[in-house]
Protein backbone atom coordinates (compact mmCIF):
# COMPACT_ATOMS: atom_id res chain seq x y z
CA MET A 1 0.01 -0.08 0.15
CA LYS A 2 1.55 3.53 -0.98
CA LEU A 3 1.01 6.47 1.22
CA ASN A 4 2.09 9.99 0.25
CA ILE A 5 4.60 11.64 3.56
CA ASN A 6 1.53 13.11 5.13
CA GLN A 7 -0.19 10.09 5.40
CA LYS A 8 2.79 8.05 6.16
CA LEU A 9 3.28 9.97 9.65
CA ARG A 10 -0.17 10.75 10.28
CA LYS A 11 -0.58 6.65 10.52
CA ILE A 12 2.40 5.97 12.73
CA LEU A 13 2.00 8.76 14.90
CA GLY A 14 -1.60 8.39 15.41
CA VAL A 15 -2.43 11.89 14.55
CA GLY A 16 -6.43 12.52 14.25
CA SER A 17 -7.70 9.93 16.00
CA ILE A 18 -9.03 8.94 19.28
CA GLY A 19 -9.68 12.93 19.79
CA LEU A 20 -5.68 13.99 19.91
CA VAL A 21 -5.97 15.81 16.83
CA GLY A 22 -4.83 18.45 19.13
CA PHE A 23 -1.79 16.90 20.68
CA PHE A 24 -0.39 17.90 17.77
CA GLY A 25 -1.72 21.14 16.72
CA ALA A 26 -1.22 23.72 13.49
CA ALA A 27 2.33 23.80 14.60
CA CYS A 28 3.00 20.53 13.06
CA THR A 29 1.24 20.85 9.73
CA ASP A 30 4.06 23.24 7.80
CA ASP A 31 6.56 20.39 8.65
CA PHE A 32 4.20 17.84 6.90
CA ASP A 33 3.76 20.45 3.93
CA ALA A 34 7.12 21.11 3.61
CA MET A 35 7.81 17.04 3.55
CA ASN A 36 5.30 16.68 1.23
CA LYS A 37 7.62 18.80 -1.11
CA SER A 38 10.90 17.21 -0.44
CA LYS A 39 11.42 15.27 -3.29
CA THR A 40 13.46 13.08 -1.71
CA ALA A 41 11.09 12.42 1.50
CA LEU A 42 10.51 8.49 1.77
CA VAL A 43 6.50 8.11 -0.16
CA VAL A 44 6.29 4.42 -0.06
CA LEU A 45 6.11 2.34 3.12
CA THR A 46 7.61 -1.14 1.92
CA PRO A 47 7.50 -4.82 3.70
CA ALA A 48 10.98 -3.93 5.05
CA GLU A 49 9.44 -1.95 7.06
CA TYR A 50 6.66 -3.78 8.39
CA PRO A 51 9.05 -5.33 10.81
CA LYS A 52 10.37 -2.13 12.22
CA LEU A 53 6.69 -1.67 13.20
CA PHE A 54 5.97 -4.50 14.71
CA SER A 55 9.01 -4.12 16.89
CA ARG A 56 8.03 -0.35 17.60
CA ALA A 57 4.72 -1.45 18.92
CA LEU A 58 6.24 -4.06 21.00
CA SER A 59 8.76 -1.31 22.73
CA GLU A 60 5.84 1.25 23.24
CA GLY A 61 3.27 -1.49 24.21
CA SER A 62 5.57 -2.72 27.29
CA TYR A 63 5.80 1.81 28.49
CA HIS A 64 9.73 1.67 29.04
CA PRO A 65 10.04 4.85 27.29
CA SER A 66 7.67 6.44 29.77
CA TYR A 67 7.77 3.83 32.43
CA GLN A 68 7.90 6.04 35.70
CA THR A 69 4.52 8.02 35.14
CA ALA A 70 2.90 4.97 33.13
CA THR A 71 3.56 2.48 35.70
CA ASN A 72 5.65 3.24 38.55
CA LEU A 73 3.80 6.28 40.25
CA PHE A 74 0.54 4.43 39.78
CA ALA A 75 0.00 0.66 39.00
CA ASP A 76 3.42 0.20 40.93
CA LEU A 77 2.46 1.68 43.82
CA TYR A 78 -0.91 0.66 44.37
CA ALA A 79 0.48 -2.83 44.14
CA GLN A 80 2.38 -2.05 46.78
CA TYR A 81 5.13 -3.36 45.29
CA PHE A 82 6.94 0.03 45.94
CA ALA A 83 6.54 3.27 48.34
CA THR A 84 7.37 6.66 47.43
CA THR A 85 10.13 8.45 48.92
CA THR A 86 9.97 11.69 47.69
CA ALA A 87 7.20 14.22 48.97
CA ASN A 88 7.46 15.79 45.89
CA PHE A 89 5.03 12.69 44.40
CA GLN A 90 1.76 13.06 45.53
CA SER A 91 0.14 9.31 43.76
CA ASP A 92 1.04 7.16 46.72
CA ARG A 93 -1.30 9.25 48.93
CA TYR A 94 -3.76 9.02 46.23
CA PHE A 95 -3.65 12.02 44.36
CA THR A 96 -4.08 11.43 40.25
CA ASN A 97 -1.95 13.58 38.93
CA MET A 98 -4.13 13.90 34.92
CA SER A 99 -0.48 15.01 33.72
CA TRP A 100 1.35 11.66 34.33
CA ILE A 101 -1.72 9.32 33.18
CA ASN A 102 -1.53 10.59 29.45
CA SER A 103 1.79 8.47 29.53
CA HIS A 104 -0.21 5.10 30.18
CA TRP A 105 -2.63 6.71 27.44
CA ASN A 106 -0.99 7.79 24.59
CA PRO A 107 1.69 4.96 23.90
CA ILE A 108 -1.06 3.05 22.91
CA TYR A 109 -3.16 5.38 20.82
CA ILE A 110 -0.39 7.33 19.17
CA GLN A 111 2.65 4.48 18.84
CA VAL A 112 1.10 0.83 18.96
CA VAL A 113 -2.14 1.59 16.96
CA PRO A 114 -1.45 3.18 14.32
CA GLN A 115 1.95 0.41 14.20
CA LEU A 116 -0.68 -2.34 14.14
CA LYS A 117 -3.40 -1.17 12.45
CA THR A 118 -0.69 -0.60 9.21
CA LEU A 119 -0.05 -4.20 9.87
CA PHE A 120 -3.34 -5.60 9.70
CA GLU A 121 -3.75 -3.77 6.63
CA ASN A 122 -0.98 -5.07 4.85
CA TYR A 123 -1.26 -8.71 6.00
CA GLU A 124 -3.82 -11.36 5.09
CA ALA A 125 -5.56 -13.05 8.49
CA ASN A 126 -4.53 -16.31 7.74
CA THR A 127 -0.84 -14.82 8.34
CA ALA A 128 1.77 -15.64 11.46
CA GLU A 129 2.52 -11.83 11.15
CA TYR A 130 -1.02 -10.77 11.59
CA SER A 131 -1.58 -13.19 14.08
CA LEU A 132 1.45 -11.82 16.04
CA ALA A 133 0.29 -8.66 15.61
CA SER A 134 -3.69 -9.42 16.63
CA ILE A 135 -2.09 -11.01 20.05
CA TRP A 136 -0.22 -7.46 21.02
CA TRP A 137 -3.45 -5.85 20.10
CA VAL A 138 -4.97 -7.57 23.22
CA PHE A 139 -1.89 -7.22 25.33
CA SER A 140 -1.76 -3.62 25.04
CA PHE A 141 -5.34 -2.95 25.50
CA HIS A 142 -6.20 -4.98 28.36
CA ARG A 143 -3.67 -3.11 30.32
CA VAL A 144 -5.51 0.25 29.41
CA THR A 145 -9.19 -1.10 29.76
CA ASP A 146 -8.20 -2.34 33.39
CA TYR A 147 -6.85 1.14 33.89
CA TYR A 148 -9.80 3.06 32.80
CA GLY A 149 -12.97 0.59 32.17
CA PRO A 150 -14.81 1.98 29.24
CA ILE A 151 -12.04 2.94 26.40
CA PRO A 152 -12.14 3.90 22.23
CA TYR A 153 -11.57 -0.38 21.04
CA PHE A 154 -13.02 -1.04 18.28
CA GLU A 155 -12.48 2.39 16.67
CA ALA A 156 -9.22 3.02 18.00
CA GLY A 157 -7.06 4.82 14.73
CA THR A 158 -9.84 6.17 13.37
CA PRO A 159 -9.59 9.32 11.73
CA SER A 160 -12.49 11.04 13.36
CA SER A 161 -12.78 14.60 15.65
CA SER A 162 -14.58 11.98 17.83
CA VAL A 163 -14.77 8.32 18.51
CA LYS A 164 -16.72 6.26 20.71
CA TYR A 165 -15.94 4.48 24.14
CA ASP A 166 -16.84 0.65 24.42
CA ALA A 167 -18.37 -1.37 27.32
CA GLN A 168 -15.21 -3.55 28.99
CA ASP A 169 -17.51 -6.55 28.93
CA VAL A 170 -17.43 -5.78 24.79
CA ILE A 171 -13.91 -5.53 24.70
CA TYR A 172 -13.55 -8.35 26.59
CA ASP A 173 -15.50 -10.62 24.45
CA ASP A 174 -13.16 -9.31 21.45
CA PHE A 175 -10.31 -10.51 23.20
CA PHE A 176 -11.03 -13.84 23.62
CA LYS A 177 -11.98 -14.09 19.66
CA ARG A 178 -8.98 -12.31 18.60
CA LEU A 179 -6.99 -14.86 21.01
CA ASP A 180 -8.71 -17.88 20.14
CA ALA A 181 -8.71 -16.50 16.39
CA ALA A 182 -5.19 -15.92 16.20
CA VAL A 183 -3.07 -19.10 17.86
CA ALA A 184 -5.70 -21.33 15.77
CA ILE A 185 -3.59 -19.55 12.62
CA LEU A 186 -0.40 -19.88 14.64
CA LYS A 187 -0.49 -23.80 15.13
CA THR A 188 -0.75 -23.87 11.39
CA LYS A 189 2.90 -21.72 11.19
CA THR A 190 5.17 -23.84 13.89
CA GLY A 191 7.86 -23.53 11.01
CA GLU A 192 7.72 -19.84 10.15
CA LYS A 193 9.46 -17.00 12.23
CA PRO A 194 7.50 -13.94 11.67
CA PHE A 195 9.14 -10.70 12.16
CA GLY A 196 12.45 -12.64 12.61
CA THR A 197 14.95 -10.62 15.06
CA SER A 198 12.57 -7.76 15.10
CA ASP A 199 10.30 -9.67 17.42
CA ILE A 200 12.22 -8.31 20.27
CA MET A 201 9.77 -10.43 22.42
CA TYR A 202 10.45 -14.09 21.24
CA ALA A 203 12.76 -13.50 17.77
CA GLY A 204 9.33 -15.24 15.91
CA ASP A 205 9.16 -18.28 17.94
CA VAL A 206 5.44 -18.94 16.91
CA ASN A 207 5.51 -21.63 19.97
CA LYS A 208 6.10 -19.68 22.44
CA TRP A 209 3.40 -16.74 20.89
CA ILE A 210 1.08 -19.52 21.17
CA LYS A 211 1.81 -20.41 24.46
CA PHE A 212 1.46 -16.49 25.36
CA ALA A 213 -1.25 -16.27 23.81
CA ASN A 214 -3.07 -18.77 25.66
CA THR A 215 -1.56 -17.48 28.90
CA LEU A 216 -3.55 -13.88 28.56
CA ARG A 217 -6.57 -15.94 27.33
CA LEU A 218 -6.31 -17.83 31.34
CA ARG A 219 -5.34 -14.27 32.71
CA LEU A 220 -7.98 -12.79 31.10
CA ALA A 221 -10.73 -15.82 31.98
CA LEU A 222 -9.77 -15.26 35.78
CA ARG A 223 -10.28 -11.61 35.69
CA ILE A 224 -13.99 -12.19 34.35
CA SER A 225 -14.52 -14.99 36.61
CA LYS A 226 -16.58 -13.08 39.26
CA VAL A 227 -18.47 -11.02 36.56
CA ASP A 228 -19.42 -14.25 34.04
CA PRO A 229 -18.35 -17.31 35.75
CA ALA A 230 -19.41 -19.11 32.77
CA ARG A 231 -17.73 -17.42 30.12
CA ALA A 232 -14.54 -17.69 32.58
CA LYS A 233 -14.85 -21.09 32.93
CA THR A 234 -14.87 -21.70 29.07
CA GLU A 235 -11.87 -19.82 28.06
CA ALA A 236 -9.55 -21.37 31.05
CA GLU A 237 -10.20 -24.57 29.19
CA ALA A 238 -10.12 -23.62 26.40
CA ALA A 239 -6.79 -22.15 26.95
CA VAL A 240 -5.05 -24.67 29.26
CA ALA A 241 -6.04 -27.17 26.75
CA SER A 242 -4.46 -25.38 24.01
CA GLY A 243 -1.14 -25.22 26.09
CA VAL A 244 0.18 -22.23 28.10
CA LEU A 245 3.51 -21.22 29.62
CA THR A 246 4.98 -23.92 31.27
CA ALA A 247 8.43 -23.47 32.29
CA ALA A 248 10.35 -20.52 32.92
CA ALA A 249 12.63 -20.64 29.90
CA GLU A 250 9.14 -20.15 27.97
CA ASP A 251 9.34 -16.13 30.05
CA ALA A 252 8.13 -13.33 27.76
CA MET A 253 11.35 -10.92 28.15
CA MET A 254 11.64 -7.94 26.03
CA VAL A 255 14.96 -7.17 24.57
CA ARG A 256 16.31 -3.52 25.65
CA THR A 257 19.44 -1.77 25.24
CA ALA A 258 20.99 1.27 26.61
CA VAL A 259 21.15 3.16 23.24
CA SER A 260 18.77 5.86 24.20
CA SER A 261 15.88 5.97 26.94
CA ALA A 262 13.21 4.73 24.76
CA ASP A 263 14.71 1.63 24.24
CA ALA A 264 16.25 1.66 27.87
CA ASN A 265 14.84 -0.70 30.65
CA GLY A 266 12.38 1.36 32.45
CA LEU A 267 13.18 0.39 35.67
CA SER A 268 16.14 0.49 35.63
CA ARG A 269 16.29 3.73 33.93
CA ILE A 270 14.48 5.64 36.84
CA ALA A 271 15.73 3.49 39.67
CA ALA A 272 18.42 6.22 40.17
CA TRP A 273 16.48 8.64 41.28
CA GLY A 274 16.00 7.93 44.66
CA GLU A 275 12.21 8.35 44.43
CA PHE A 276 10.95 4.60 45.67
CA ARG A 277 12.17 1.92 47.93
CA MET A 278 10.89 -1.36 48.44
CA SER A 279 7.23 -1.55 50.05
CA ALA A 280 6.65 -2.37 53.91
CA THR A 281 3.78 -5.18 51.96
CA MET A 282 7.26 -6.45 50.85
CA GLU A 283 9.00 -6.12 53.46
CA SER A 284 6.61 -8.48 55.43
CA ILE A 285 5.89 -10.96 53.40
CA LEU A 286 9.37 -11.43 52.40
CA LYS A 287 11.15 -11.87 55.39
CA GLY A 288 8.13 -13.92 56.71
CA TYR A 289 8.61 -16.77 54.18
CA ASN A 290 12.31 -16.00 54.58
CA ASP A 291 12.14 -15.56 50.85
CA PRO A 292 15.11 -16.20 48.74
CA ARG A 293 13.97 -14.37 45.96
CA MET A 294 14.68 -11.26 48.12
CA ALA A 295 17.70 -10.87 47.26
CA GLN A 296 17.15 -10.71 43.71
CA PHE A 297 13.76 -8.65 44.09
CA PHE A 298 16.03 -5.98 46.39
CA GLN A 299 19.49 -4.76 47.30
CA PRO A 300 20.12 -4.40 51.19
CA SER A 301 19.64 -0.47 52.31
CA PHE A 302 23.03 1.35 52.55
CA ASN A 303 22.93 1.98 56.11
CA THR A 304 21.51 -0.81 57.61
CA LYS A 305 22.91 -3.61 55.28
CA THR A 306 19.62 -5.33 56.11
CA TYR A 307 16.52 -5.91 53.97
CA GLU A 308 14.08 -2.70 54.69
CA GLY A 309 10.97 -1.52 53.29
CA VAL A 310 8.78 1.53 54.18
CA ARG A 311 4.83 2.24 54.15
CA ASN A 312 2.61 3.66 51.29
CA GLY A 313 1.21 6.87 51.64
CA LEU A 314 3.66 8.51 53.97
CA SER A 315 3.42 11.90 54.30
CA PRO A 316 6.55 14.73 53.45
CA ALA A 317 6.76 15.12 57.65
CA GLN A 318 7.06 11.12 57.62
CA LEU A 319 9.08 11.01 54.99
CA ILE A 320 12.04 12.36 56.06
CA GLU A 321 12.01 10.64 59.39
CA PRO A 322 15.38 8.41 59.39
CA LEU A 323 14.00 5.19 59.63
CA ASN A 324 11.76 6.38 56.12
CA THR A 325 14.59 7.91 54.22
CA ASN A 326 16.47 6.18 50.41
CA ASP A 327 19.61 5.10 52.50
CA ASN A 328 17.78 3.42 55.65
CA ASN A 329 15.43 1.35 52.76
CA SER A 330 15.88 -1.07 49.59
CA ASN A 331 16.24 -0.16 46.04
CA ILE A 332 15.36 -2.78 43.48
CA GLY A 333 17.48 -5.45 43.42
CA ALA A 334 21.27 -5.63 41.24
CA ARG A 335 19.76 -7.01 38.03
CA TRP A 336 18.25 -3.75 37.39
CA ILE A 337 20.63 -1.09 39.03
CA ARG A 338 24.01 -1.40 41.17
CA ASN A 339 25.35 0.73 43.87
CA THR A 340 28.31 1.90 44.02
CA GLY A 341 29.71 2.34 47.50
CA THR A 342 28.50 5.73 48.26
CA GLY A 343 24.75 6.33 49.73
CA SER A 344 23.67 7.87 46.10
CA GLY A 345 26.02 6.38 43.94
CA TRP A 346 24.06 3.77 41.42
CA GLU A 347 25.35 2.62 38.08
CA ASN A 348 21.72 1.56 35.78
CA LEU A 349 21.94 -1.42 33.70
CA LEU A 350 19.63 0.06 31.12
CA ALA A 351 19.92 -3.09 28.98
CA VAL A 352 18.25 -5.47 30.67
CA LYS A 353 15.85 -7.23 29.34
CA ALA A 354 12.29 -6.01 30.86
CA ASP A 355 9.37 -8.67 32.05
CA ILE A 356 6.31 -8.69 30.38
CA MET A 357 4.80 -11.94 31.15
CA HIS A 358 6.50 -14.98 33.68
CA ALA A 359 5.38 -18.85 32.90
CA ALA A 360 4.79 -19.16 36.64
CA GLU A 361 1.62 -16.65 36.70
CA ALA A 362 0.08 -19.48 34.09
CA TYR A 363 0.14 -22.34 37.65
CA PHE A 364 -1.37 -19.67 39.74
CA LEU A 365 -4.03 -19.12 37.08
CA ARG A 366 -4.93 -22.48 36.77
CA ALA A 367 -4.52 -23.00 40.88
CA GLU A 368 -6.92 -21.01 41.31
CA GLY A 369 -9.16 -22.22 38.44
CA ALA A 370 -8.81 -25.62 39.65
CA LEU A 371 -10.28 -24.43 43.30
CA ASN A 372 -13.11 -23.12 41.21
CA GLY A 373 -13.95 -26.36 39.95
CA TRP A 374 -12.90 -26.40 36.21
CA ASN A 375 -10.48 -29.10 34.28
CA MET A 376 -6.74 -27.20 34.76
CA GLY A 377 -4.96 -30.37 33.85
CA GLY A 378 -3.88 -30.88 37.78
CA ASP A 379 -5.17 -30.24 41.09
CA ALA A 380 -4.66 -26.91 42.64
CA GLN A 381 -2.28 -27.61 45.37
CA ASP A 382 0.29 -29.38 42.62
CA LEU A 383 -0.56 -26.38 40.25
CA TYR A 384 0.73 -24.03 43.53
CA GLU A 385 3.05 -25.51 44.04
CA ASP A 386 4.53 -25.81 40.99
CA GLY A 387 4.23 -22.28 40.40
CA ILE A 388 6.65 -21.27 42.91
CA ARG A 389 9.30 -23.79 41.52
CA GLN A 390 8.77 -21.96 38.60
CA SER A 391 9.28 -18.39 40.07
CA MET A 392 11.57 -19.59 41.97
CA ALA A 393 13.51 -21.02 38.33
CA THR A 394 12.85 -17.60 36.74
CA TRP A 395 14.64 -15.90 39.58
CA GLY A 396 17.60 -18.56 39.12
CA TYR A 397 16.82 -20.78 42.89
CA THR A 398 16.13 -24.64 42.39
CA GLY A 399 16.39 -27.54 44.37
CA ALA A 400 16.05 -28.28 48.19
CA ALA A 401 15.68 -24.69 49.04
CA VAL A 402 12.77 -24.12 47.11
CA GLU A 403 11.21 -27.29 48.19
CA THR A 404 11.75 -26.18 52.05
CA TYR A 405 10.08 -23.03 50.75
CA ILE A 406 7.37 -24.70 49.66
CA THR A 407 7.02 -26.17 53.25
CA GLY A 408 7.16 -23.06 55.20
CA THR A 409 4.88 -22.59 57.64
CA THR A 410 6.44 -19.27 59.42
CA PRO A 411 3.71 -16.35 58.22
CA PRO A 412 5.08 -12.59 57.43
CA ILE A 413 6.31 -10.63 59.99
CA ALA A 414 5.58 -6.97 61.34
CA PRO A 415 8.15 -5.15 59.53
CA GLY A 416 9.50 -2.90 61.93
CA ASP A 417 9.15 0.06 59.96
CA SER A 418 8.27 4.08 61.44
CA GLN A 419 4.41 3.11 61.65
CA ASN A 420 4.88 0.08 63.84
CA SER A 421 3.30 -1.81 61.62
CA PRO A 422 1.57 -5.42 62.14
CA ALA A 423 2.45 -8.00 60.27
CA VAL A 424 0.25 -7.81 56.81
CA SER A 425 -1.44 -11.95 56.93
CA ASN A 426 -1.07 -14.87 58.93
CA ILE A 427 -0.47 -17.48 56.28
CA PRO A 428 2.08 -19.30 55.42
CA VAL A 429 3.53 -20.85 52.40
CA LYS A 430 2.61 -24.49 53.03
CA TRP A 431 -0.67 -25.26 51.15
CA GLY A 432 -3.17 -24.95 53.82
CA ALA A 433 -6.22 -26.94 55.27
CA THR A 434 -9.48 -24.22 54.07
CA VAL A 435 -10.63 -23.30 50.51
CA ALA A 436 -10.42 -19.65 51.87
CA VAL A 437 -6.59 -19.43 53.04
CA GLN A 438 -5.62 -21.30 49.85
CA ARG A 439 -7.16 -18.40 48.24
CA GLU A 440 -4.65 -15.96 49.51
CA GLN A 441 -2.35 -18.29 49.58
CA ILE A 442 -2.42 -18.81 45.49
CA GLY A 443 -2.68 -15.15 45.39
CA THR A 444 -0.21 -13.66 47.67
CA GLN A 445 2.41 -16.39 45.56
CA LYS A 446 1.40 -14.86 42.21
CA TRP A 447 1.86 -11.68 43.36
CA LEU A 448 5.41 -12.12 44.25
CA ALA A 449 5.51 -13.99 41.02
CA LEU A 450 4.29 -11.42 38.56
CA TYR A 451 6.88 -8.80 40.33
CA PRO A 452 7.75 -6.15 39.01
CA ASP A 453 4.78 -6.44 36.56
CA GLY A 454 2.55 -3.37 38.94
CA SER A 455 0.25 -3.22 35.68
CA GLU A 456 -0.95 -6.98 36.40
CA ALA A 457 -0.17 -6.95 39.78
CA TRP A 458 -3.00 -4.01 40.43
CA ALA A 459 -5.29 -5.57 38.28
CA GLU A 460 -5.41 -8.79 39.91
CA PHE A 461 -5.47 -7.22 43.46
CA ARG A 462 -8.45 -5.47 42.38
CA ARG A 463 -9.93 -8.71 41.86
CA SER A 464 -9.07 -11.20 43.80
CA THR A 465 -8.38 -8.63 47.30
CA PHE A 466 -4.79 -10.62 47.41
CA PRO A 467 -2.33 -10.35 48.89
CA LYS A 468 -3.54 -8.36 51.45
CA LEU A 469 -2.30 -5.28 51.78
CA TYR A 470 -1.58 -2.32 54.42
CA HIS A 471 -3.77 0.69 53.82
CA VAL A 472 -1.95 3.58 52.43
CA VAL A 473 -0.88 6.02 55.81
CA ASN A 474 -1.89 9.07 54.49
CA SER A 475 -4.94 9.93 51.33
CA VAL A 476 -5.17 13.45 49.72
CA ASN A 477 -7.90 11.59 47.32
CA PRO A 478 -11.48 13.27 48.70
CA ASP A 479 -12.89 10.09 46.63
CA VAL A 480 -10.36 7.22 48.40
CA PRO A 481 -10.01 7.53 52.09
CA ASN A 482 -7.12 5.68 53.34
CA THR A 483 -9.38 3.04 54.65
CA ALA A 484 -10.11 2.25 50.78
CA PHE A 485 -8.03 1.30 47.63
CA ILE A 486 -7.88 2.89 44.36
CA ARG A 487 -10.29 1.02 41.70
CA ARG A 488 -9.50 2.93 38.49
CA PHE A 489 -8.53 5.99 36.88
CA PRO A 490 -10.44 8.90 35.90
CA PHE A 491 -11.00 9.50 31.77
CA ILE A 492 -7.75 11.73 30.45
CA ASP A 493 -8.42 15.46 30.11
CA ALA A 494 -7.39 15.24 26.84
CA GLU A 495 -10.27 13.38 25.83
CA LYS A 496 -12.52 15.36 28.00
CA GLN A 497 -11.60 18.21 25.85
CA ASN A 498 -11.04 16.85 22.89
CA ASN A 499 -13.52 13.75 22.83
CA ARG A 500 -15.93 15.30 25.27
CA ALA A 501 -19.11 13.68 23.79
CA ALA A 502 -17.84 10.20 23.31
CA VAL A 503 -16.38 11.02 26.88
CA THR A 504 -19.94 11.61 28.28
CA GLU A 505 -21.80 8.66 26.67
CA ALA A 506 -18.36 6.61 28.34
CA VAL A 507 -19.22 7.78 31.92
CA LYS A 508 -22.75 5.90 31.66
CA LEU A 509 -21.00 2.51 30.94
CA LEU A 510 -19.43 2.97 34.00
CA ASN A 511 -22.05 2.63 36.66
CA GLY A 512 -20.64 5.19 38.23
CA GLU A 513 -19.20 8.60 38.78
CA ASP A 514 -15.78 9.04 36.85
CA LYS A 515 -13.57 8.49 39.87
CA ALA A 516 -10.75 6.39 40.95
CA SER A 517 -13.22 5.51 43.65
CA THR A 518 -15.51 3.82 40.91
CA PRO A 519 -15.33 -0.21 40.33
CA LEU A 520 -14.73 -1.68 37.06
CA TRP A 521 -17.15 -4.14 35.39
CA TRP A 522 -15.37 -7.36 36.68
CA ASP A 523 -14.66 -5.88 39.74
CA LYS A 524 -17.34 -7.13 42.10
CA ASN A 525 -15.14 -6.50 45.40
């Protein structure tokens, strides 16, 4: 398909879609016109560029160019993997900075959608390339809809002054259909290498993409298990029967480089800025379980040489107390950043691969499904224990120490923080005697296995209520007191300004107000 440069740039940048015309504004017009007059401008998008479009979609869909404001300052905190240690950031106290959350919205609509739609237009639906693009479409959009609820979906990327929002249940229905269709095609293409090395996640390994898609389908099935249990059972059993991730060697890890900030591992890039540390929830659970993964997830604090965490939602006055300062609390692990010997001296490891999905998650999803009475190819206890083994393998632990961990009977501990917090829970690792305990154990171990994916951990906490988390110490959000938890994000300001009529209709789909306290369609807690 031939495009002039004006059309090509609008397609790749996403201008004119999802109410984002104003995002670029008139200042870009002269540049487009000038480029159209250039005799040397690229005027044809050839098949040679298609793999690069897929690579760009993968990168942007994982939020690493905008990791801090897209993920770290919101979902990572709401999942309580980390707590902020700077008074300037109030998101840990439930303040929703509307300019920051654009970083979660814009990469999908401005970058991922145009790339993938171009691939849909240039590959037949029965090709492996089309199928990979479709899987990544679902992955990208499931995180957006699980942030906001109704979103522009079916008309995403449509050049229009107003694009309608779709209800979340309808979006999820399309997710399942897309994944089912993509896997069916890929199972006939296992000898191919779609997009080759431009596939920066699986290097065109079709068999791994099949398992990734099925695991994503299983994840989404559990997500709707409280609101549509019959559909959830059908989708989960189909996903498991088709083949999900089963080994740490199949973990979905995205290649990053240190060439530029856009290519770097986002978590590594921000870790030296001294703005977050281990949460007290993490400390309570990891220390109580004597969890070997603590040494991979975090590093000892500079001053104490021990692993220490901070409560979420501390006030500016509380953050300057000695126990809450950066040098007395644990930064993330040496996989992402290394201390150079001084309290503020850190070496960022920007080229470390980014965690997209771990095989261990599939085991915990299956374990929960088994408790629901679904056919998950094993019983709940075996799947739970195998999930722990696979998560340990992801972080380099195998053998007797892992088996000892699985039979551990010690519960989480009081973290000894500035708030004199009690233990966050009282459950051990060893498989419990009641379904209620077992569900909490599965949710807690899945939370550990998902690390550092705060987006998924926050979504699963909202759905399952596990693991048990501390309430934030302080909330500055009048809609969400410190005795409650954030349920969603309000629709972004740019959409309210440029796509107002559609947003007004979208609010009606929420069955509640456009507030952070309104639960999503699948959130029945």
